[in-house]
Amino acid sequence: MAVWKELDADSKLLAWSNTRLVKECINRNEEAWSALIDKYKSLIFSIPIKYGFSVDDASDIFQSVCLELLAELPNLRKAEALPKWIMQVTAHKCFRGRRQQQRTESVDPGDTRIDRATPARAEAILREAEEEQNLQQALAELPPRCRQLVHLLFYEDPPREYRKVAEELGIAVGSIGFIRQRCLDKLRQRLTEVGF
């Protein structure tokens, strides 16, 4: 039960709407800023990784996007457009980073290892990042018990046995299937609402 309360406290701000988060960030609420970064860190970091950047280069792009976000947040017209704005800024920084790398590396014209990200590939990367962000946001909006159950059942490798999941959650083994189904129905409903 204490785990659920901890999860609930950690994700309360993450469940805030973008409008509320942006407003609080503009009002210099440090907890809101941390929540905003927590909410979108996977999205920001995943895009350069998908473009083929190293972890170090992806970290540099992440920091650059966060700095731009901090500077431009007051100019954002629609807070609900924030995820798309973040994806576009990150993609542009990846494109610029890739071009910079190509300028500084000696390139053999016959070398096919260099990824010259085409617009079609860039669109696929952004679409995939958006789907991942929608899933992450839908998971964050689940009740704490559901979030923990989904994590224990689907995000751990190797997956836990039902008996161990039941022990950790303090529930009967026989109720896991029923609770899992309810949680997945809530998740499915939320994903349907965002057009996933």
N, C-alpha and C. Protein backbone atom coordinates (compact mmCIF):
# COMPACT_ATOMS: atom_id res chain seq x y z
N MET A 1 0.82 -1.19 0.00
CA MET A 1 0.00 0.00 0.00
C MET A 1 0.87 1.26 0.00
N ALA A 2 1.98 1.22 0.73
CA ALA A 2 2.87 2.38 0.76
C ALA A 2 3.46 2.65 -0.62
N VAL A 3 3.69 1.59 -1.39
CA VAL A 3 4.22 1.75 -2.75
C VAL A 3 3.23 2.53 -3.59
N TRP A 4 1.93 2.25 -3.44
CA TRP A 4 0.93 2.97 -4.23
C TRP A 4 0.92 4.44 -3.88
N LYS A 5 1.03 4.76 -2.59
CA LYS A 5 1.04 6.17 -2.17
C LYS A 5 2.26 6.88 -2.74
N GLU A 6 3.41 6.18 -2.73
CA GLU A 6 4.63 6.75 -3.29
C GLU A 6 4.47 7.01 -4.78
N LEU A 7 3.94 6.04 -5.49
CA LEU A 7 3.69 6.22 -6.93
C LEU A 7 2.74 7.38 -7.17
N ASP A 8 1.71 7.47 -6.33
CA ASP A 8 0.73 8.53 -6.48
C ASP A 8 1.37 9.90 -6.28
N ALA A 9 2.19 10.04 -5.27
CA ALA A 9 2.85 11.33 -5.00
C ALA A 9 3.81 11.69 -6.12
N ASP A 10 4.55 10.70 -6.62
CA ASP A 10 5.53 10.96 -7.68
C ASP A 10 4.87 11.37 -8.99
N SER A 11 3.67 10.88 -9.24
CA SER A 11 3.07 11.12 -10.55
C SER A 11 1.93 12.14 -10.52
N LYS A 12 1.66 12.74 -9.39
CA LYS A 12 0.57 13.71 -9.31
C LYS A 12 0.78 14.86 -10.30
N LEU A 13 1.98 15.42 -10.27
CA LEU A 13 2.27 16.53 -11.18
C LEU A 13 2.32 16.06 -12.63
N LEU A 14 2.78 14.82 -12.85
CA LEU A 14 2.83 14.31 -14.22
C LEU A 14 1.44 14.20 -14.83
N ALA A 15 0.43 14.01 -14.00
CA ALA A 15 -0.94 13.88 -14.50
C ALA A 15 -1.57 15.24 -14.79
N TRP A 16 -0.90 16.31 -14.38
CA TRP A 16 -1.43 17.64 -14.67
C TRP A 16 -1.50 17.82 -16.19
N SER A 17 -2.45 18.61 -16.63
CA SER A 17 -2.54 18.93 -18.05
C SER A 17 -1.32 19.78 -18.44
N ASN A 18 -1.02 19.78 -19.71
CA ASN A 18 0.09 20.63 -20.18
C ASN A 18 -0.18 22.09 -19.89
N THR A 19 -1.44 22.49 -19.99
CA THR A 19 -1.79 23.89 -19.72
C THR A 19 -1.39 24.27 -18.30
N ARG A 20 -1.73 23.41 -17.35
CA ARG A 20 -1.40 23.70 -15.96
C ARG A 20 0.11 23.65 -15.73
N LEU A 21 0.77 22.64 -16.30
CA LEU A 21 2.22 22.54 -16.13
C LEU A 21 2.94 23.76 -16.70
N VAL A 22 2.56 24.16 -17.91
CA VAL A 22 3.21 25.31 -18.55
C VAL A 22 2.98 26.57 -17.71
N LYS A 23 1.75 26.77 -17.25
CA LYS A 23 1.44 27.95 -16.42
C LYS A 23 2.29 27.96 -15.16
N GLU A 24 2.39 26.82 -14.51
CA GLU A 24 3.20 26.73 -13.29
C GLU A 24 4.68 26.94 -13.58
N CYS A 25 5.15 26.43 -14.70
CA CYS A 25 6.56 26.62 -15.08
C CYS A 25 6.84 28.10 -15.34
N ILE A 26 5.95 28.75 -16.03
CA ILE A 26 6.13 30.18 -16.31
C ILE A 26 6.13 30.98 -15.01
N ASN A 27 5.37 30.50 -14.02
CA ASN A 27 5.33 31.15 -12.70
C ASN A 27 6.50 30.71 -11.81
N ARG A 28 7.49 30.05 -12.41
CA ARG A 28 8.74 29.65 -11.76
C ARG A 28 8.55 28.60 -10.66
N ASN A 29 7.59 27.72 -10.85
CA ASN A 29 7.39 26.60 -9.93
C ASN A 29 8.39 25.51 -10.31
N GLU A 30 9.40 25.31 -9.46
CA GLU A 30 10.46 24.35 -9.77
C GLU A 30 9.95 22.91 -9.83
N GLU A 31 8.98 22.56 -8.98
CA GLU A 31 8.42 21.21 -9.02
C GLU A 31 7.70 20.97 -10.35
N ALA A 32 7.02 22.00 -10.85
CA ALA A 32 6.34 21.87 -12.14
C ALA A 32 7.36 21.70 -13.26
N TRP A 33 8.46 22.44 -13.19
CA TRP A 33 9.50 22.31 -14.21
C TRP A 33 10.07 20.89 -14.19
N SER A 34 10.35 20.38 -13.00
CA SER A 34 10.86 19.00 -12.88
C SER A 34 9.84 18.00 -13.44
N ALA A 35 8.56 18.24 -13.14
CA ALA A 35 7.50 17.34 -13.64
C ALA A 35 7.42 17.42 -15.16
N LEU A 36 7.56 18.62 -15.71
CA LEU A 36 7.50 18.79 -17.16
C LEU A 36 8.64 18.03 -17.83
N ILE A 37 9.84 18.16 -17.28
CA ILE A 37 10.99 17.44 -17.84
C ILE A 37 10.80 15.94 -17.67
N ASP A 38 10.32 15.51 -16.49
CA ASP A 38 10.07 14.07 -16.27
C ASP A 38 9.04 13.53 -17.26
N LYS A 39 8.04 14.34 -17.53
CA LYS A 39 6.97 13.92 -18.43
C LYS A 39 7.47 13.71 -19.85
N TYR A 40 8.44 14.53 -20.28
CA TYR A 40 8.87 14.49 -21.68
C TYR A 40 10.31 14.04 -21.89
N LYS A 41 11.01 13.64 -20.83
CA LYS A 41 12.43 13.26 -21.00
C LYS A 41 12.60 12.06 -21.92
N SER A 42 11.73 11.08 -21.79
CA SER A 42 11.86 9.90 -22.66
C SER A 42 11.61 10.27 -24.11
N LEU A 43 10.63 11.13 -24.33
CA LEU A 43 10.33 11.58 -25.69
C LEU A 43 11.53 12.30 -26.29
N ILE A 44 12.07 13.26 -25.54
CA ILE A 44 13.19 14.06 -26.05
C ILE A 44 14.40 13.17 -26.32
N PHE A 45 14.71 12.30 -25.38
CA PHE A 45 15.91 11.47 -25.51
C PHE A 45 15.76 10.40 -26.58
N SER A 46 14.55 9.90 -26.77
CA SER A 46 14.37 8.80 -27.73
C SER A 46 14.58 9.23 -29.18
N ILE A 47 14.29 10.46 -29.49
CA ILE A 47 14.39 10.90 -30.89
C ILE A 47 15.83 10.87 -31.39
N PRO A 48 16.81 11.46 -30.69
CA PRO A 48 18.18 11.35 -31.20
C PRO A 48 18.69 9.90 -31.23
N ILE A 49 18.25 9.09 -30.29
CA ILE A 49 18.65 7.68 -30.31
C ILE A 49 18.12 7.02 -31.58
N LYS A 50 16.88 7.31 -31.93
CA LYS A 50 16.29 6.74 -33.15
C LYS A 50 17.00 7.26 -34.41
N TYR A 51 17.53 8.46 -34.33
CA TYR A 51 18.29 9.01 -35.45
C TYR A 51 19.68 8.40 -35.54
N GLY A 52 20.06 7.60 -34.54
CA GLY A 52 21.35 6.93 -34.58
C GLY A 52 22.47 7.66 -33.85
N PHE A 53 22.14 8.65 -33.04
CA PHE A 53 23.17 9.35 -32.28
C PHE A 53 23.62 8.49 -31.11
N SER A 54 24.85 8.72 -30.67
CA SER A 54 25.36 8.03 -29.48
C SER A 54 24.61 8.55 -28.26
N VAL A 55 24.74 7.85 -27.15
CA VAL A 55 24.09 8.29 -25.90
C VAL A 55 24.62 9.67 -25.49
N ASP A 56 25.93 9.89 -25.65
CA ASP A 56 26.50 11.20 -25.30
C ASP A 56 25.93 12.32 -26.17
N ASP A 57 25.85 12.07 -27.48
CA ASP A 57 25.29 13.08 -28.38
C ASP A 57 23.80 13.29 -28.10
N ALA A 58 23.10 12.21 -27.80
CA ALA A 58 21.67 12.33 -27.45
C ALA A 58 21.50 13.15 -26.18
N SER A 59 22.42 12.99 -25.24
CA SER A 59 22.37 13.78 -24.00
C SER A 59 22.59 15.26 -24.29
N ASP A 60 23.51 15.56 -25.20
CA ASP A 60 23.75 16.96 -25.59
C ASP A 60 22.50 17.55 -26.25
N ILE A 61 21.87 16.78 -27.13
CA ILE A 61 20.65 17.25 -27.78
C ILE A 61 19.55 17.44 -26.75
N PHE A 62 19.43 16.50 -25.81
CA PHE A 62 18.44 16.61 -24.73
C PHE A 62 18.62 17.94 -23.98
N GLN A 63 19.84 18.23 -23.58
CA GLN A 63 20.11 19.47 -22.85
C GLN A 63 19.77 20.69 -23.69
N SER A 64 20.11 20.65 -24.95
CA SER A 64 19.83 21.77 -25.85
C SER A 64 18.32 22.00 -25.99
N VAL A 65 17.57 20.91 -26.11
CA VAL A 65 16.11 21.02 -26.22
C VAL A 65 15.53 21.59 -24.93
N CYS A 66 16.04 21.13 -23.79
CA CYS A 66 15.54 21.63 -22.50
C CYS A 66 15.82 23.13 -22.33
N LEU A 67 16.99 23.55 -22.77
CA LEU A 67 17.31 24.99 -22.70
C LEU A 67 16.38 25.80 -23.60
N GLU A 68 16.13 25.29 -24.80
CA GLU A 68 15.21 25.99 -25.70
C GLU A 68 13.79 26.00 -25.13
N LEU A 69 13.40 24.89 -24.53
CA LEU A 69 12.09 24.80 -23.91
C LEU A 69 11.96 25.84 -22.80
N LEU A 70 12.96 25.95 -21.97
CA LEU A 70 12.96 26.94 -20.88
C LEU A 70 12.83 28.35 -21.43
N ALA A 71 13.57 28.64 -22.50
CA ALA A 71 13.55 29.98 -23.09
C ALA A 71 12.24 30.28 -23.81
N GLU A 72 11.68 29.29 -24.49
CA GLU A 72 10.52 29.53 -25.35
C GLU A 72 9.17 29.23 -24.72
N LEU A 73 9.16 28.61 -23.56
CA LEU A 73 7.90 28.22 -22.93
C LEU A 73 6.91 29.37 -22.79
N PRO A 74 7.35 30.57 -22.40
CA PRO A 74 6.38 31.68 -22.29
C PRO A 74 5.77 32.08 -23.65
N ASN A 75 6.43 31.73 -24.75
CA ASN A 75 5.93 32.09 -26.08
C ASN A 75 5.01 31.04 -26.69
N LEU A 76 4.86 29.91 -26.02
CA LEU A 76 4.02 28.83 -26.53
C LEU A 76 2.56 29.28 -26.51
N ARG A 77 1.91 29.26 -27.68
CA ARG A 77 0.53 29.73 -27.77
C ARG A 77 -0.47 28.73 -27.20
N LYS A 78 -0.28 27.45 -27.51
CA LYS A 78 -1.20 26.42 -27.03
C LYS A 78 -0.39 25.37 -26.27
N ALA A 79 -0.62 25.30 -24.98
CA ALA A 79 0.15 24.37 -24.16
C ALA A 79 -0.09 22.92 -24.56
N GLU A 80 -1.27 22.61 -25.06
CA GLU A 80 -1.54 21.23 -25.45
C GLU A 80 -0.76 20.81 -26.71
N ALA A 81 -0.18 21.79 -27.41
CA ALA A 81 0.66 21.49 -28.57
C ALA A 81 2.11 21.23 -28.16
N LEU A 82 2.38 21.25 -26.88
CA LEU A 82 3.75 21.10 -26.38
C LEU A 82 4.45 19.83 -26.87
N PRO A 83 3.82 18.65 -26.83
CA PRO A 83 4.54 17.46 -27.30
C PRO A 83 4.99 17.57 -28.75
N LYS A 84 4.14 18.09 -29.61
CA LYS A 84 4.52 18.24 -31.02
C LYS A 84 5.65 19.26 -31.16
N TRP A 85 5.58 20.35 -30.39
CA TRP A 85 6.62 21.37 -30.42
C TRP A 85 7.95 20.73 -30.00
N ILE A 86 7.91 19.96 -28.93
CA ILE A 86 9.13 19.30 -28.44
C ILE A 86 9.69 18.36 -29.50
N MET A 87 8.81 17.59 -30.14
CA MET A 87 9.27 16.66 -31.18
C MET A 87 9.90 17.40 -32.34
N GLN A 88 9.28 18.50 -32.76
CA GLN A 88 9.83 19.26 -33.89
C GLN A 88 11.18 19.87 -33.54
N VAL A 89 11.28 20.48 -32.36
CA VAL A 89 12.55 21.09 -31.95
C VAL A 89 13.64 20.02 -31.85
N THR A 90 13.30 18.88 -31.27
CA THR A 90 14.28 17.81 -31.14
C THR A 90 14.71 17.29 -32.51
N ALA A 91 13.75 17.10 -33.39
CA ALA A 91 14.08 16.63 -34.74
C ALA A 91 14.97 17.63 -35.47
N HIS A 92 14.68 18.92 -35.33
CA HIS A 92 15.53 19.94 -35.98
C HIS A 92 16.94 19.90 -35.41
N LYS A 93 17.06 19.73 -34.10
CA LYS A 93 18.39 19.67 -33.50
C LYS A 93 19.13 18.41 -33.96
N CYS A 94 18.41 17.32 -34.14
CA CYS A 94 19.02 16.10 -34.67
C CYS A 94 19.51 16.32 -36.09
N PHE A 95 18.69 16.96 -36.90
CA PHE A 95 19.06 17.22 -38.29
C PHE A 95 20.31 18.09 -38.33
N ARG A 96 20.31 19.17 -37.51
CA ARG A 96 21.47 20.05 -37.47
C ARG A 96 22.71 19.32 -36.94
N GLY A 97 22.50 18.49 -35.93
CA GLY A 97 23.61 17.72 -35.37
C GLY A 97 24.19 16.76 -36.38
N ARG A 98 23.33 16.11 -37.15
CA ARG A 98 23.78 15.16 -38.17
C ARG A 98 24.56 15.90 -39.26
N ARG A 99 24.05 17.06 -39.66
CA ARG A 99 24.76 17.84 -40.69
C ARG A 99 26.13 18.29 -40.17
N GLN A 100 26.18 18.70 -38.91
CA GLN A 100 27.44 19.13 -38.32
C GLN A 100 28.43 17.97 -38.28
N GLN A 101 27.96 16.79 -37.92
CA GLN A 101 28.83 15.61 -37.91
C GLN A 101 29.36 15.32 -39.30
N GLN A 102 28.51 15.43 -40.29
CA GLN A 102 28.93 15.13 -41.66
C GLN A 102 29.95 16.14 -42.16
N ARG A 103 29.86 17.38 -41.70
CA ARG A 103 30.83 18.39 -42.11
C ARG A 103 32.19 18.14 -41.49
N THR A 104 32.19 17.63 -40.26
CA THR A 104 33.46 17.46 -39.56
C THR A 104 34.11 16.11 -39.81
N GLU A 105 33.37 15.15 -40.33
CA GLU A 105 33.93 13.83 -40.64
C GLU A 105 34.38 13.81 -42.09
N SER A 106 35.49 13.10 -42.36
CA SER A 106 35.85 12.91 -43.76
C SER A 106 34.95 11.80 -44.28
N VAL A 107 34.29 12.07 -45.36
CA VAL A 107 33.27 11.15 -45.86
C VAL A 107 33.72 10.54 -47.18
N ASP A 108 33.65 9.22 -47.22
CA ASP A 108 33.88 8.49 -48.44
C ASP A 108 32.55 8.44 -49.18
N PRO A 109 32.45 8.98 -50.40
CA PRO A 109 31.16 9.01 -51.10
C PRO A 109 30.52 7.64 -51.26
N GLY A 110 31.31 6.57 -51.25
CA GLY A 110 30.75 5.23 -51.40
C GLY A 110 30.35 4.60 -50.07
N ASP A 111 30.57 5.30 -48.96
CA ASP A 111 30.26 4.75 -47.64
C ASP A 111 28.76 4.83 -47.40
N THR A 112 28.13 3.68 -47.28
CA THR A 112 26.68 3.62 -47.08
C THR A 112 26.31 3.58 -45.60
N ARG A 113 27.32 3.59 -44.71
CA ARG A 113 27.02 3.53 -43.28
C ARG A 113 26.47 4.85 -42.76
N ILE A 114 26.76 5.94 -43.42
CA ILE A 114 26.29 7.23 -42.94
C ILE A 114 24.81 7.38 -43.25
N ASP A 115 24.07 7.65 -42.20
CA ASP A 115 22.62 7.78 -42.32
C ASP A 115 22.27 9.22 -42.69
N ARG A 116 21.83 9.39 -43.89
CA ARG A 116 21.36 10.72 -44.30
C ARG A 116 19.84 10.68 -44.16
N ALA A 117 19.39 11.11 -42.99
CA ALA A 117 17.97 10.98 -42.64
C ALA A 117 17.10 11.67 -43.68
N THR A 118 16.29 10.88 -44.32
CA THR A 118 15.39 11.42 -45.32
C THR A 118 14.14 11.93 -44.63
N PRO A 119 13.40 12.81 -45.29
CA PRO A 119 12.17 13.29 -44.68
C PRO A 119 11.21 12.15 -44.30
N ALA A 120 11.14 11.12 -45.10
CA ALA A 120 10.24 10.00 -44.78
C ALA A 120 10.70 9.32 -43.49
N ARG A 121 11.99 9.11 -43.35
CA ARG A 121 12.51 8.49 -42.12
C ARG A 121 12.27 9.40 -40.93
N ALA A 122 12.49 10.70 -41.12
CA ALA A 122 12.27 11.66 -40.03
C ALA A 122 10.81 11.63 -39.59
N GLU A 123 9.90 11.56 -40.53
CA GLU A 123 8.47 11.49 -40.19
C GLU A 123 8.15 10.22 -39.43
N ALA A 124 8.75 9.12 -39.84
CA ALA A 124 8.52 7.84 -39.15
C ALA A 124 9.05 7.89 -37.72
N ILE A 125 10.21 8.52 -37.54
CA ILE A 125 10.78 8.67 -36.20
C ILE A 125 9.86 9.50 -35.33
N LEU A 126 9.37 10.61 -35.86
CA LEU A 126 8.48 11.47 -35.08
C LEU A 126 7.16 10.79 -34.77
N ARG A 127 6.63 10.04 -35.72
CA ARG A 127 5.37 9.31 -35.49
C ARG A 127 5.56 8.27 -34.38
N GLU A 128 6.66 7.56 -34.45
CA GLU A 128 6.96 6.55 -33.43
C GLU A 128 7.15 7.20 -32.06
N ALA A 129 7.86 8.33 -32.02
CA ALA A 129 8.07 9.05 -30.75
C ALA A 129 6.75 9.55 -30.18
N GLU A 130 5.87 10.01 -31.06
CA GLU A 130 4.57 10.50 -30.60
C GLU A 130 3.74 9.35 -30.03
N GLU A 131 3.78 8.19 -30.66
CA GLU A 131 3.04 7.03 -30.15
C GLU A 131 3.58 6.61 -28.79
N GLU A 132 4.90 6.60 -28.65
CA GLU A 132 5.50 6.26 -27.37
C GLU A 132 5.10 7.26 -26.29
N GLN A 133 5.08 8.55 -26.65
CA GLN A 133 4.70 9.58 -25.68
C GLN A 133 3.24 9.42 -25.27
N ASN A 134 2.37 9.12 -26.23
CA ASN A 134 0.95 8.91 -25.92
C ASN A 134 0.78 7.74 -24.96
N LEU A 135 1.53 6.67 -25.19
CA LEU A 135 1.46 5.51 -24.31
C LEU A 135 1.97 5.86 -22.92
N GLN A 136 3.08 6.55 -22.86
CA GLN A 136 3.65 6.94 -21.56
C GLN A 136 2.68 7.85 -20.80
N GLN A 137 2.07 8.79 -21.50
CA GLN A 137 1.13 9.70 -20.84
C GLN A 137 -0.12 8.94 -20.37
N ALA A 138 -0.62 8.04 -21.19
CA ALA A 138 -1.79 7.24 -20.80
C ALA A 138 -1.47 6.39 -19.57
N LEU A 139 -0.28 5.83 -19.53
CA LEU A 139 0.12 5.05 -18.35
C LEU A 139 0.21 5.94 -17.11
N ALA A 140 0.73 7.16 -17.26
CA ALA A 140 0.85 8.07 -16.13
C ALA A 140 -0.52 8.47 -15.58
N GLU A 141 -1.54 8.45 -16.42
CA GLU A 141 -2.88 8.86 -15.99
C GLU A 141 -3.67 7.72 -15.35
N LEU A 142 -3.13 6.52 -15.37
CA LEU A 142 -3.80 5.40 -14.72
C LEU A 142 -3.71 5.57 -13.20
N PRO A 143 -4.66 5.00 -12.47
CA PRO A 143 -4.54 5.02 -11.00
C PRO A 143 -3.23 4.33 -10.58
N PRO A 144 -2.68 4.69 -9.44
CA PRO A 144 -1.38 4.16 -9.01
C PRO A 144 -1.31 2.63 -9.01
N ARG A 145 -2.35 1.98 -8.51
CA ARG A 145 -2.34 0.52 -8.46
C ARG A 145 -2.25 -0.08 -9.86
N CYS A 146 -2.98 0.50 -10.80
CA CYS A 146 -2.92 0.02 -12.18
C CYS A 146 -1.54 0.24 -12.79
N ARG A 147 -0.99 1.43 -12.56
CA ARG A 147 0.36 1.71 -13.09
C ARG A 147 1.36 0.68 -12.58
N GLN A 148 1.29 0.40 -11.28
CA GLN A 148 2.24 -0.54 -10.72
C GLN A 148 2.02 -1.94 -11.28
N LEU A 149 0.77 -2.35 -11.39
CA LEU A 149 0.46 -3.69 -11.92
C LEU A 149 0.95 -3.82 -13.37
N VAL A 150 0.67 -2.82 -14.18
CA VAL A 150 1.12 -2.86 -15.58
C VAL A 150 2.64 -2.92 -15.64
N HIS A 151 3.28 -2.13 -14.82
CA HIS A 151 4.75 -2.14 -14.79
C HIS A 151 5.27 -3.52 -14.40
N LEU A 152 4.73 -4.09 -13.34
CA LEU A 152 5.21 -5.38 -12.86
C LEU A 152 4.96 -6.50 -13.88
N LEU A 153 3.83 -6.43 -14.57
CA LEU A 153 3.48 -7.50 -15.50
C LEU A 153 4.13 -7.36 -16.88
N PHE A 154 4.32 -6.13 -17.34
CA PHE A 154 4.71 -5.94 -18.74
C PHE A 154 6.05 -5.24 -18.96
N TYR A 155 6.60 -4.59 -17.95
CA TYR A 155 7.81 -3.81 -18.16
C TYR A 155 9.05 -4.39 -17.51
N GLU A 156 8.92 -5.49 -16.84
CA GLU A 156 10.08 -6.09 -16.22
C GLU A 156 10.56 -7.27 -17.05
N ASP A 157 11.88 -7.42 -17.10
CA ASP A 157 12.46 -8.50 -17.88
C ASP A 157 13.45 -9.24 -16.99
N PRO A 158 13.22 -10.45 -16.66
CA PRO A 158 12.12 -11.31 -17.08
C PRO A 158 10.84 -10.94 -16.32
N PRO A 159 9.69 -11.27 -16.90
CA PRO A 159 8.43 -10.94 -16.24
C PRO A 159 8.31 -11.67 -14.89
N ARG A 160 7.64 -11.04 -13.96
CA ARG A 160 7.45 -11.64 -12.64
C ARG A 160 6.32 -12.66 -12.67
N GLU A 161 6.43 -13.62 -11.79
CA GLU A 161 5.36 -14.58 -11.62
C GLU A 161 4.18 -13.89 -10.93
N TYR A 162 2.98 -14.36 -11.21
CA TYR A 162 1.79 -13.79 -10.58
C TYR A 162 1.89 -13.83 -9.06
N ARG A 163 2.46 -14.90 -8.52
CA ARG A 163 2.58 -15.03 -7.07
C ARG A 163 3.40 -13.87 -6.50
N LYS A 164 4.50 -13.51 -7.16
CA LYS A 164 5.36 -12.42 -6.68
C LYS A 164 4.68 -11.07 -6.86
N VAL A 165 3.96 -10.92 -7.96
CA VAL A 165 3.21 -9.68 -8.19
C VAL A 165 2.16 -9.52 -7.10
N ALA A 166 1.45 -10.60 -6.80
CA ALA A 166 0.41 -10.57 -5.77
C ALA A 166 1.01 -10.19 -4.42
N GLU A 167 2.17 -10.75 -4.09
CA GLU A 167 2.84 -10.43 -2.82
C GLU A 167 3.19 -8.94 -2.76
N GLU A 168 3.75 -8.43 -3.83
CA GLU A 168 4.17 -7.03 -3.82
C GLU A 168 2.99 -6.08 -3.72
N LEU A 169 1.90 -6.43 -4.38
CA LEU A 169 0.72 -5.55 -4.36
C LEU A 169 -0.19 -5.82 -3.16
N GLY A 170 0.04 -6.93 -2.47
CA GLY A 170 -0.80 -7.25 -1.32
C GLY A 170 -2.20 -7.68 -1.71
N ILE A 171 -2.30 -8.44 -2.81
CA ILE A 171 -3.60 -8.91 -3.28
C ILE A 171 -3.55 -10.42 -3.51
N ALA A 172 -4.70 -11.02 -3.68
CA ALA A 172 -4.76 -12.45 -3.95
C ALA A 172 -4.32 -12.73 -5.38
N VAL A 173 -3.64 -13.85 -5.56
CA VAL A 173 -3.17 -14.24 -6.89
C VAL A 173 -4.34 -14.33 -7.86
N GLY A 174 -5.46 -14.86 -7.40
CA GLY A 174 -6.63 -15.04 -8.27
C GLY A 174 -7.25 -13.74 -8.74
N SER A 175 -6.95 -12.63 -8.08
CA SER A 175 -7.56 -11.36 -8.50
C SER A 175 -6.71 -10.60 -9.52
N ILE A 176 -5.50 -11.06 -9.77
CA ILE A 176 -4.61 -10.34 -10.70
C ILE A 176 -5.21 -10.25 -12.09
N GLY A 177 -5.74 -11.34 -12.60
CA GLY A 177 -6.30 -11.33 -13.95
C GLY A 177 -7.44 -10.33 -14.09
N PHE A 178 -8.32 -10.29 -13.11
CA PHE A 178 -9.45 -9.36 -13.14
C PHE A 178 -8.97 -7.91 -13.07
N ILE A 179 -8.06 -7.64 -12.14
CA ILE A 179 -7.53 -6.27 -11.99
C ILE A 179 -6.75 -5.87 -13.24
N ARG A 180 -5.95 -6.80 -13.76
CA ARG A 180 -5.18 -6.52 -14.98
C ARG A 180 -6.12 -6.13 -16.12
N GLN A 181 -7.20 -6.87 -16.29
CA GLN A 181 -8.14 -6.57 -17.37
C GLN A 181 -8.77 -5.19 -17.20
N ARG A 182 -9.17 -4.85 -15.97
CA ARG A 182 -9.73 -3.52 -15.71
C ARG A 182 -8.71 -2.42 -16.03
N CYS A 183 -7.47 -2.64 -15.62
CA CYS A 183 -6.42 -1.66 -15.87
C CYS A 183 -6.15 -1.51 -17.37
N LEU A 184 -6.08 -2.63 -18.08
CA LEU A 184 -5.84 -2.56 -19.51
C LEU A 184 -7.01 -1.91 -20.24
N ASP A 185 -8.25 -2.14 -19.76
CA ASP A 185 -9.41 -1.46 -20.35
C ASP A 185 -9.31 0.05 -20.18
N LYS A 186 -8.88 0.50 -18.99
CA LYS A 186 -8.70 1.93 -18.73
C LYS A 186 -7.61 2.49 -19.65
N LEU A 187 -6.54 1.73 -19.79
CA LEU A 187 -5.44 2.17 -20.66
C LEU A 187 -5.91 2.24 -22.10
N ARG A 188 -6.62 1.24 -22.56
CA ARG A 188 -7.13 1.21 -23.93
C ARG A 188 -8.07 2.40 -24.18
N GLN A 189 -8.94 2.69 -23.21
CA GLN A 189 -9.87 3.81 -23.35
C GLN A 189 -9.12 5.13 -23.49
N ARG A 190 -8.09 5.31 -22.65
CA ARG A 190 -7.32 6.55 -22.70
C ARG A 190 -6.57 6.68 -24.03
N LEU A 191 -6.02 5.57 -24.51
CA LEU A 191 -5.30 5.60 -25.78
C LEU A 191 -6.25 5.89 -26.93
N THR A 192 -7.46 5.36 -26.86
CA THR A 192 -8.47 5.62 -27.89
C THR A 192 -8.82 7.11 -27.89
N GLU A 193 -8.92 7.71 -26.70
CA GLU A 193 -9.25 9.14 -26.59
C GLU A 193 -8.20 10.02 -27.26
N VAL A 194 -6.94 9.60 -27.21
CA VAL A 194 -5.89 10.43 -27.83
C VAL A 194 -5.61 10.00 -29.27
N GLY A 195 -6.41 9.08 -29.80
CA GLY A 195 -6.26 8.69 -31.19
C GLY A 195 -5.16 7.71 -31.46
N PHE A 196 -4.82 6.91 -30.49
CA PHE A 196 -3.72 5.94 -30.62
C PHE A 196 -4.22 4.71 -31.34
